[in-house]
């Protein structure tokens, strides 16, 4: 038993030294303990987990953005692009990543999303992007970050607001009323005059078959 105790101490010492060396000299990807949540790790397949770790190790450590395309990832895993797209779909369904194109017919960009433990109080999450698709890829929402955050918090003071290049994320403690969401949109729009040039006007048909016009600045992403 004494020899096992000595071996135990040696193994722990080796790990400490290895970990310190890696943290000092290598890149790394942190997976927080909330990942153990029953609605994340327990539901994830092994292939989706491999892809998630791959994306994490190749992501921007602060923004969670990953530039690797499906073709490159397929070559790394020696799998078909169709298989990789299925793995991506699973991660999207688990609300762990968000994928979008920054320009028409361009490459898809991947973004790692924040996750929470289901045992904790979960937030109601909303995601928005510009309604005007022609302007969407050429405009960085971070340029309007102050107006967006102030507009959201004027209606939802306790909201957590995360602004990225092509979308912004709102985390609330409960499901918001539709009237408050409309008010939020108005508050955001009026805090920066540049928004007036980005409003998307469109026509639609109501339930009675009447053609009507409307204008919209942001579009909710489901």
C-alpha atoms as a PDB file:
ATOM      1  CA  UNK A   1       0.000   0.000   0.000  1.00  0.00           C
ATOM      2  CA  UNK A   2       2.911   2.311   0.731  1.00  0.00           C
ATOM      3  CA  UNK A   3       4.177   1.937  -2.825  1.00  0.00           C
ATOM      4  CA  UNK A   4       0.718   2.862  -4.154  1.00  0.00           C
ATOM      5  CA  UNK A   5       0.695   6.033  -2.036  1.00  0.00           C
ATOM      6  CA  UNK A   6       4.085   7.006  -3.405  1.00  0.00           C
ATOM      7  CA  UNK A   7       2.869   6.313  -6.934  1.00  0.00           C
ATOM      8  CA  UNK A   8      -0.220   8.411  -6.268  1.00  0.00           C
ATOM      9  CA  UNK A   9       1.896  11.373  -5.165  1.00  0.00           C
ATOM     10  CA  UNK A  10       4.156  10.960  -8.211  1.00  0.00           C
ATOM     11  CA  UNK A  11       1.174  10.898 -10.588  1.00  0.00           C
ATOM     12  CA  UNK A  12      -0.324  14.054  -9.050  1.00  0.00           C
ATOM     13  CA  UNK A  13       3.034  15.800  -9.145  1.00  0.00           C
ATOM     14  CA  UNK A  14       3.531  14.891 -12.808  1.00  0.00           C
ATOM     15  CA  UNK A  15       0.088  16.222 -13.641  1.00  0.00           C
ATOM     16  CA  UNK A  16       0.697  19.523 -11.822  1.00  0.00           C
ATOM     17  CA  UNK A  17       3.970  20.081 -13.657  1.00  0.00           C
ATOM     18  CA  UNK A  18       2.475  19.113 -17.024  1.00  0.00           C
ATOM     19  CA  UNK A  19      -0.546  21.363 -16.525  1.00  0.00           C
ATOM     20  CA  UNK A  20       1.544  24.362 -15.483  1.00  0.00           C
ATOM     21  CA  UNK A  21       3.819  23.914 -18.490  1.00  0.00           C
ATOM     22  CA  UNK A  22       0.861  23.632 -20.894  1.00  0.00           C
ATOM     23  CA  UNK A  23      -0.894  26.691 -19.459  1.00  0.00           C
ATOM     24  CA  UNK A  24       2.283  28.715 -19.774  1.00  0.00           C
ATOM     25  CA  UNK A  25       3.266  27.629 -23.281  1.00  0.00           C
ATOM     26  CA  UNK A  26       0.270  26.256 -25.172  1.00  0.00           C
ATOM     27  CA  UNK A  27      -3.214  27.241 -26.331  1.00  0.00           C
ATOM     28  CA  UNK A  28      -6.170  25.700 -24.523  1.00  0.00           C
ATOM     29  CA  UNK A  29      -9.957  25.562 -24.419  1.00  0.00           C
ATOM     30  CA  UNK A  30     -11.846  25.755 -21.137  1.00  0.00           C
ATOM     31  CA  UNK A  31     -14.963  23.649 -20.568  1.00  0.00           C
ATOM     32  CA  UNK A  32     -16.782  24.878 -17.486  1.00  0.00           C
ATOM     33  CA  UNK A  33     -18.507  22.622 -14.979  1.00  0.00           C
ATOM     34  CA  UNK A  34     -21.943  23.722 -16.216  1.00  0.00           C
ATOM     35  CA  UNK A  35     -21.229  21.497 -19.229  1.00  0.00           C
ATOM     36  CA  UNK A  36     -22.198  18.577 -16.962  1.00  0.00           C
ATOM     37  CA  UNK A  37     -25.778  19.786 -17.141  1.00  0.00           C
ATOM     38  CA  UNK A  38     -28.170  16.923 -18.058  1.00  0.00           C
ATOM     39  CA  UNK A  39     -29.395  18.828 -21.124  1.00  0.00           C
ATOM     40  CA  UNK A  40     -25.862  19.149 -22.556  1.00  0.00           C
ATOM     41  CA  UNK A  41     -23.306  16.406 -21.947  1.00  0.00           C
ATOM     42  CA  UNK A  42     -25.768  13.561 -21.324  1.00  0.00           C
ATOM     43  CA  UNK A  43     -27.628  14.303 -24.547  1.00  0.00           C
ATOM     44  CA  UNK A  44     -24.552  14.793 -26.725  1.00  0.00           C
ATOM     45  CA  UNK A  45     -23.216  12.073 -29.002  1.00  0.00           C
ATOM     46  CA  UNK A  46     -19.533  11.256 -29.055  1.00  0.00           C
ATOM     47  CA  UNK A  47     -19.115  12.701 -32.555  1.00  0.00           C
ATOM     48  CA  UNK A  48     -20.748  15.994 -31.616  1.00  0.00           C
ATOM     49  CA  UNK A  49     -18.505  16.184 -28.554  1.00  0.00           C
ATOM     50  CA  UNK A  50     -15.432  15.650 -30.738  1.00  0.00           C
ATOM     51  CA  UNK A  51     -16.546  18.467 -33.017  1.00  0.00           C
ATOM     52  CA  UNK A  52     -17.254  20.770 -30.078  1.00  0.00           C
ATOM     53  CA  UNK A  53     -13.769  20.221 -28.635  1.00  0.00           C
ATOM     54  CA  UNK A  54     -12.244  20.740 -32.083  1.00  0.00           C
ATOM     55  CA  UNK A  55     -14.126  24.026 -32.509  1.00  0.00           C
ATOM     56  CA  UNK A  56     -13.150  25.145 -29.023  1.00  0.00           C
ATOM     57  CA  UNK A  57      -9.461  24.471 -29.569  1.00  0.00           C
ATOM     58  CA  UNK A  58      -9.560  26.411 -32.834  1.00  0.00           C
ATOM     59  CA  UNK A  59     -11.725  29.308 -31.641  1.00  0.00           C
ATOM     60  CA  UNK A  60     -10.888  32.844 -30.620  1.00  0.00           C
ATOM     61  CA  UNK A  61     -10.517  32.474 -26.861  1.00  0.00           C
ATOM     62  CA  UNK A  62     -12.452  35.657 -26.029  1.00  0.00           C
ATOM     63  CA  UNK A  63     -15.141  35.814 -28.742  1.00  0.00           C
ATOM     64  CA  UNK A  64     -15.773  32.117 -29.449  1.00  0.00           C
ATOM     65  CA  UNK A  65     -15.532  32.654 -33.219  1.00  0.00           C
ATOM     66  CA  UNK A  66     -14.233  29.782 -35.371  1.00  0.00           C
ATOM     67  CA  UNK A  67     -13.226  30.211 -39.030  1.00  0.00           C
ATOM     68  CA  UNK A  68     -12.743  26.531 -39.956  1.00  0.00           C
ATOM     69  CA  UNK A  69     -15.115  25.395 -42.707  1.00  0.00           C
ATOM     70  CA  UNK A  70     -16.894  22.071 -43.133  1.00  0.00           C
ATOM     71  CA  UNK A  71     -14.436  20.852 -45.772  1.00  0.00           C
ATOM     72  CA  UNK A  72     -11.395  21.443 -43.567  1.00  0.00           C
ATOM     73  CA  UNK A  73     -13.023  19.783 -40.565  1.00  0.00           C
ATOM     74  CA  UNK A  74     -14.100  16.785 -42.667  1.00  0.00           C
ATOM     75  CA  UNK A  75     -10.503  16.269 -43.797  1.00  0.00           C
ATOM     76  CA  UNK A  76      -9.255  16.414 -40.206  1.00  0.00           C
ATOM     77  CA  UNK A  77     -11.701  13.749 -39.012  1.00  0.00           C
ATOM     78  CA  UNK A  78     -11.514  11.779 -42.265  1.00  0.00           C
ATOM     79  CA  UNK A  79     -15.297  11.970 -42.575  1.00  0.00           C
ATOM     80  CA  UNK A  80     -17.696  13.162 -45.232  1.00  0.00           C
ATOM     81  CA  UNK A  81     -18.880  16.768 -45.209  1.00  0.00           C
ATOM     82  CA  UNK A  82     -22.416  15.437 -44.757  1.00  0.00           C
ATOM     83  CA  UNK A  83     -21.359  13.755 -41.483  1.00  0.00           C
ATOM     84  CA  UNK A  84     -19.790  16.991 -40.250  1.00  0.00           C
ATOM     85  CA  UNK A  85     -22.955  18.921 -41.098  1.00  0.00           C
ATOM     86  CA  UNK A  86     -24.949  16.407 -39.025  1.00  0.00           C
ATOM     87  CA  UNK A  87     -22.580  16.949 -36.090  1.00  0.00           C
ATOM     88  CA  UNK A  88     -23.009  20.696 -36.504  1.00  0.00           C
ATOM     89  CA  UNK A  89     -26.786  20.273 -36.531  1.00  0.00           C
ATOM     90  CA  UNK A  90     -26.647  18.421 -33.211  1.00  0.00           C
ATOM     91  CA  UNK A  91     -24.549  21.178 -31.598  1.00  0.00           C
ATOM     92  CA  UNK A  92     -27.017  23.758 -32.893  1.00  0.00           C
ATOM     93  CA  UNK A  93     -29.950  21.819 -31.451  1.00  0.00           C
ATOM     94  CA  UNK A  94     -28.130  21.729 -28.095  1.00  0.00           C
ATOM     95  CA  UNK A  95     -27.786  25.520 -28.341  1.00  0.00           C
ATOM     96  CA  UNK A  96     -23.988  25.293 -28.117  1.00  0.00           C
ATOM     97  CA  UNK A  97     -23.083  26.959 -31.410  1.00  0.00           C
ATOM     98  CA  UNK A  98     -24.506  29.461 -33.876  1.00  0.00           C
ATOM     99  CA  UNK A  99     -23.657  29.364 -37.608  1.00  0.00           C
ATOM    100  CA  UNK A 100     -24.121  32.110 -40.193  1.00  0.00           C
ATOM    101  CA  UNK A 101     -22.696  33.598 -43.380  1.00  0.00           C
ATOM    102  CA  UNK A 102     -21.147  37.056 -43.248  1.00  0.00           C
ATOM    103  CA  UNK A 103     -21.757  37.592 -46.953  1.00  0.00           C
ATOM    104  CA  UNK A 104     -24.088  36.165 -49.596  1.00  0.00           C
ATOM    105  CA  UNK A 105     -22.991  32.650 -50.649  1.00  0.00           C
ATOM    106  CA  UNK A 106     -19.936  33.028 -48.428  1.00  0.00           C
ATOM    107  CA  UNK A 107     -18.385  30.624 -45.956  1.00  0.00           C
ATOM    108  CA  UNK A 108     -20.252  29.804 -42.756  1.00  0.00           C
ATOM    109  CA  UNK A 109     -18.784  31.194 -39.550  1.00  0.00           C
ATOM    110  CA  UNK A 110     -19.215  29.343 -36.272  1.00  0.00           C
ATOM    111  CA  UNK A 111     -19.734  30.935 -32.870  1.00  0.00           C
ATOM    112  CA  UNK A 112     -19.562  29.098 -29.551  1.00  0.00           C
ATOM    113  CA  UNK A 113     -22.526  30.119 -27.384  1.00  0.00           C
ATOM    114  CA  UNK A 114     -22.592  30.527 -23.601  1.00  0.00           C
ATOM    115  CA  UNK A 115     -24.171  27.589 -21.754  1.00  0.00           C
ATOM    116  CA  UNK A 116     -25.705  27.195 -18.303  1.00  0.00           C
ATOM    117  CA  UNK A 117     -26.456  24.341 -15.927  1.00  0.00           C
ATOM    118  CA  UNK A 118     -30.141  23.405 -16.102  1.00  0.00           C
ATOM    119  CA  UNK A 119     -30.221  23.113 -12.294  1.00  0.00           C
ATOM    120  CA  UNK A 120     -29.597  26.837 -12.103  1.00  0.00           C
ATOM    121  CA  UNK A 121     -32.232  29.402 -12.993  1.00  0.00           C
ATOM    122  CA  UNK A 122     -32.190  29.398 -16.781  1.00  0.00           C
ATOM    123  CA  UNK A 123     -32.477  32.562 -18.793  1.00  0.00           C
ATOM    124  CA  UNK A 124     -34.934  33.218 -21.609  1.00  0.00           C
ATOM    125  CA  UNK A 125     -32.690  33.872 -24.592  1.00  0.00           C
ATOM    126  CA  UNK A 126     -33.508  36.109 -27.566  1.00  0.00           C
ATOM    127  CA  UNK A 127     -31.319  36.618 -30.628  1.00  0.00           C
ATOM    128  CA  UNK A 128     -31.682  39.430 -33.158  1.00  0.00           C
ATOM    129  CA  UNK A 129     -29.992  40.530 -36.372  1.00  0.00           C
ATOM    130  CA  UNK A 130     -30.623  43.269 -38.939  1.00  0.00           C
ATOM    131  CA  UNK A 131     -33.769  42.672 -40.996  1.00  0.00           C
ATOM    132  CA  UNK A 132     -32.103  44.246 -44.032  1.00  0.00           C
ATOM    133  CA  UNK A 133     -30.206  41.262 -45.459  1.00  0.00           C
ATOM    134  CA  UNK A 134     -28.385  43.370 -48.061  1.00  0.00           C
ATOM    135  CA  UNK A 135     -26.812  45.531 -45.355  1.00  0.00           C
ATOM    136  CA  UNK A 136     -26.405  42.775 -42.774  1.00  0.00           C
ATOM    137  CA  UNK A 137     -23.074  41.356 -43.947  1.00  0.00           C
ATOM    138  CA  UNK A 138     -21.384  44.742 -44.350  1.00  0.00           C
ATOM    139  CA  UNK A 139     -22.274  46.282 -40.991  1.00  0.00           C
ATOM    140  CA  UNK A 140     -20.722  45.455 -37.626  1.00  0.00           C
ATOM    141  CA  UNK A 141     -23.315  45.631 -34.856  1.00  0.00           C
ATOM    142  CA  UNK A 142     -20.537  46.463 -32.396  1.00  0.00           C
ATOM    143  CA  UNK A 143     -20.603  49.980 -33.877  1.00  0.00           C
ATOM    144  CA  UNK A 144     -24.102  50.318 -32.384  1.00  0.00           C
ATOM    145  CA  UNK A 145     -23.321  48.469 -29.156  1.00  0.00           C
ATOM    146  CA  UNK A 146     -24.028  51.369 -26.790  1.00  0.00           C
ATOM    147  CA  UNK A 147     -27.415  52.137 -28.360  1.00  0.00           C
ATOM    148  CA  UNK A 148     -28.439  48.464 -28.310  1.00  0.00           C
ATOM    149  CA  UNK A 149     -27.482  47.888 -24.678  1.00  0.00           C
ATOM    150  CA  UNK A 150     -29.076  51.116 -23.428  1.00  0.00           C
ATOM    151  CA  UNK A 151     -32.225  50.476 -25.464  1.00  0.00           C
ATOM    152  CA  UNK A 152     -32.625  46.936 -24.104  1.00  0.00           C
ATOM    153  CA  UNK A 153     -31.919  47.911 -20.512  1.00  0.00           C
ATOM    154  CA  UNK A 154     -34.352  50.826 -20.615  1.00  0.00           C
ATOM    155  CA  UNK A 155     -37.111  48.204 -20.898  1.00  0.00           C
ATOM    156  CA  UNK A 156     -35.418  45.212 -19.224  1.00  0.00           C
ATOM    157  CA  UNK A 157     -33.006  46.650 -16.602  1.00  0.00           C
ATOM    158  CA  UNK A 158     -31.785  43.215 -15.441  1.00  0.00           C
ATOM    159  CA  UNK A 159     -31.155  41.830 -18.923  1.00  0.00           C
ATOM    160  CA  UNK A 160     -27.775  40.482 -19.969  1.00  0.00           C
ATOM    161  CA  UNK A 161     -26.910  41.839 -23.423  1.00  0.00           C
ATOM    162  CA  UNK A 162     -24.160  40.407 -25.638  1.00  0.00           C
ATOM    163  CA  UNK A 163     -23.395  42.206 -28.903  1.00  0.00           C
ATOM    164  CA  UNK A 164     -21.544  40.391 -31.685  1.00  0.00           C
ATOM    165  CA  UNK A 165     -20.750  41.353 -35.256  1.00  0.00           C
ATOM    166  CA  UNK A 166     -23.981  40.177 -36.905  1.00  0.00           C
ATOM    167  CA  UNK A 167     -26.330  39.570 -33.986  1.00  0.00           C
ATOM    168  CA  UNK A 168     -27.028  40.527 -30.410  1.00  0.00           C
ATOM    169  CA  UNK A 169     -28.203  38.206 -27.650  1.00  0.00           C
ATOM    170  CA  UNK A 170     -30.544  39.113 -24.785  1.00  0.00           C
ATOM    171  CA  UNK A 171     -30.900  36.962 -21.675  1.00  0.00           C
ATOM    172  CA  UNK A 172     -33.974  37.522 -19.516  1.00  0.00           C
ATOM    173  CA  UNK A 173     -35.260  35.857 -16.363  1.00  0.00           C
ATOM    174  CA  UNK A 174     -38.695  35.161 -17.856  1.00  0.00           C
ATOM    175  CA  UNK A 175     -40.675  35.196 -21.089  1.00  0.00           C
ATOM    176  CA  UNK A 176     -41.198  38.853 -22.113  1.00  0.00           C
ATOM    177  CA  UNK A 177     -44.499  40.335 -23.230  1.00  0.00           C
ATOM    178  CA  UNK A 178     -44.808  41.192 -26.906  1.00  0.00           C
ATOM    179  CA  UNK A 179     -45.619  44.822 -26.082  1.00  0.00           C
ATOM    180  CA  UNK A 180     -42.359  45.148 -24.149  1.00  0.00           C
ATOM    181  CA  UNK A 181     -40.379  43.684 -27.032  1.00  0.00           C
ATOM    182  CA  UNK A 182     -41.914  46.244 -29.397  1.00  0.00           C
ATOM    183  CA  UNK A 183     -41.064  48.986 -26.941  1.00  0.00           C
ATOM    184  CA  UNK A 184     -37.507  47.669 -26.715  1.00  0.00           C
ATOM    185  CA  UNK A 185     -37.147  47.847 -30.498  1.00  0.00           C
ATOM    186  CA  UNK A 186     -38.364  51.450 -30.456  1.00  0.00           C
ATOM    187  CA  UNK A 187     -35.956  52.376 -27.648  1.00  0.00           C
ATOM    188  CA  UNK A 188     -32.992  50.908 -29.527  1.00  0.00           C
ATOM    189  CA  UNK A 189     -33.931  52.627 -32.803  1.00  0.00           C
ATOM    190  CA  UNK A 190     -34.264  56.082 -31.283  1.00  0.00           C
ATOM    191  CA  UNK A 191     -30.847  55.995 -29.594  1.00  0.00           C
ATOM    192  CA  UNK A 192     -28.835  56.146 -32.837  1.00  0.00           C
ATOM    193  CA  UNK A 193     -29.917  58.185 -35.873  1.00  0.00           C
ATOM    194  CA  UNK A 194     -27.969  55.842 -38.197  1.00  0.00           C
ATOM    195  CA  UNK A 195     -30.589  53.153 -37.641  1.00  0.00           C
ATOM    196  CA  UNK A 196     -33.039  55.136 -39.801  1.00  0.00           C
ATOM    197  CA  UNK A 197     -31.035  54.238 -42.918  1.00  0.00           C
ATOM    198  CA  UNK A 198     -31.125  50.526 -42.071  1.00  0.00           C
ATOM    199  CA  UNK A 199     -34.853  50.047 -41.527  1.00  0.00           C
ATOM    200  CA  UNK A 200     -36.282  47.386 -43.856  1.00  0.00           C
ATOM    201  CA  UNK A 201     -39.638  48.219 -45.456  1.00  0.00           C
ATOM    202  CA  UNK A 202     -41.689  45.318 -46.753  1.00  0.00           C
ATOM    203  CA  UNK A 203     -45.211  44.291 -47.695  1.00  0.00           C
ATOM    204  CA  UNK A 204     -47.196  41.407 -46.262  1.00  0.00           C
ATOM    205  CA  UNK A 205     -50.649  39.863 -46.491  1.00  0.00           C
ATOM    206  CA  UNK A 206     -52.747  39.750 -43.328  1.00  0.00           C
ATOM    207  CA  UNK A 207     -55.237  37.024 -42.358  1.00  0.00           C
ATOM    208  CA  UNK A 208     -58.037  38.733 -44.278  1.00  0.00           C
ATOM    209  CA  UNK A 209     -55.950  38.782 -47.484  1.00  0.00           C
ATOM    210  CA  UNK A 210     -55.227  42.486 -47.360  1.00  0.00           C
ATOM    211  CA  UNK A 211     -51.792  43.667 -48.515  1.00  0.00           C
ATOM    212  CA  UNK A 212     -50.138  45.917 -45.972  1.00  0.00           C
ATOM    213  CA  UNK A 213     -46.825  47.685 -45.508  1.00  0.00           C
ATOM    214  CA  UNK A 214     -44.573  47.578 -42.493  1.00  0.00           C
ATOM    215  CA  UNK A 215     -41.042  48.552 -41.473  1.00  0.00           C
ATOM    216  CA  UNK A 216     -38.623  46.646 -39.282  1.00  0.00           C
ATOM    217  CA  UNK A 217     -35.084  47.249 -38.075  1.00  0.00           C
ATOM    218  CA  UNK A 218     -34.246  43.905 -36.447  1.00  0.00           C
ATOM    219  CA  UNK A 219     -35.308  40.340 -37.104  1.00  0.00           C
ATOM    220  CA  UNK A 220     -35.544  37.736 -34.384  1.00  0.00           C
ATOM    221  CA  UNK A 221     -33.557  34.535 -35.004  1.00  0.00           C
ATOM    222  CA  UNK A 222     -35.130  31.255 -33.877  1.00  0.00           C
END
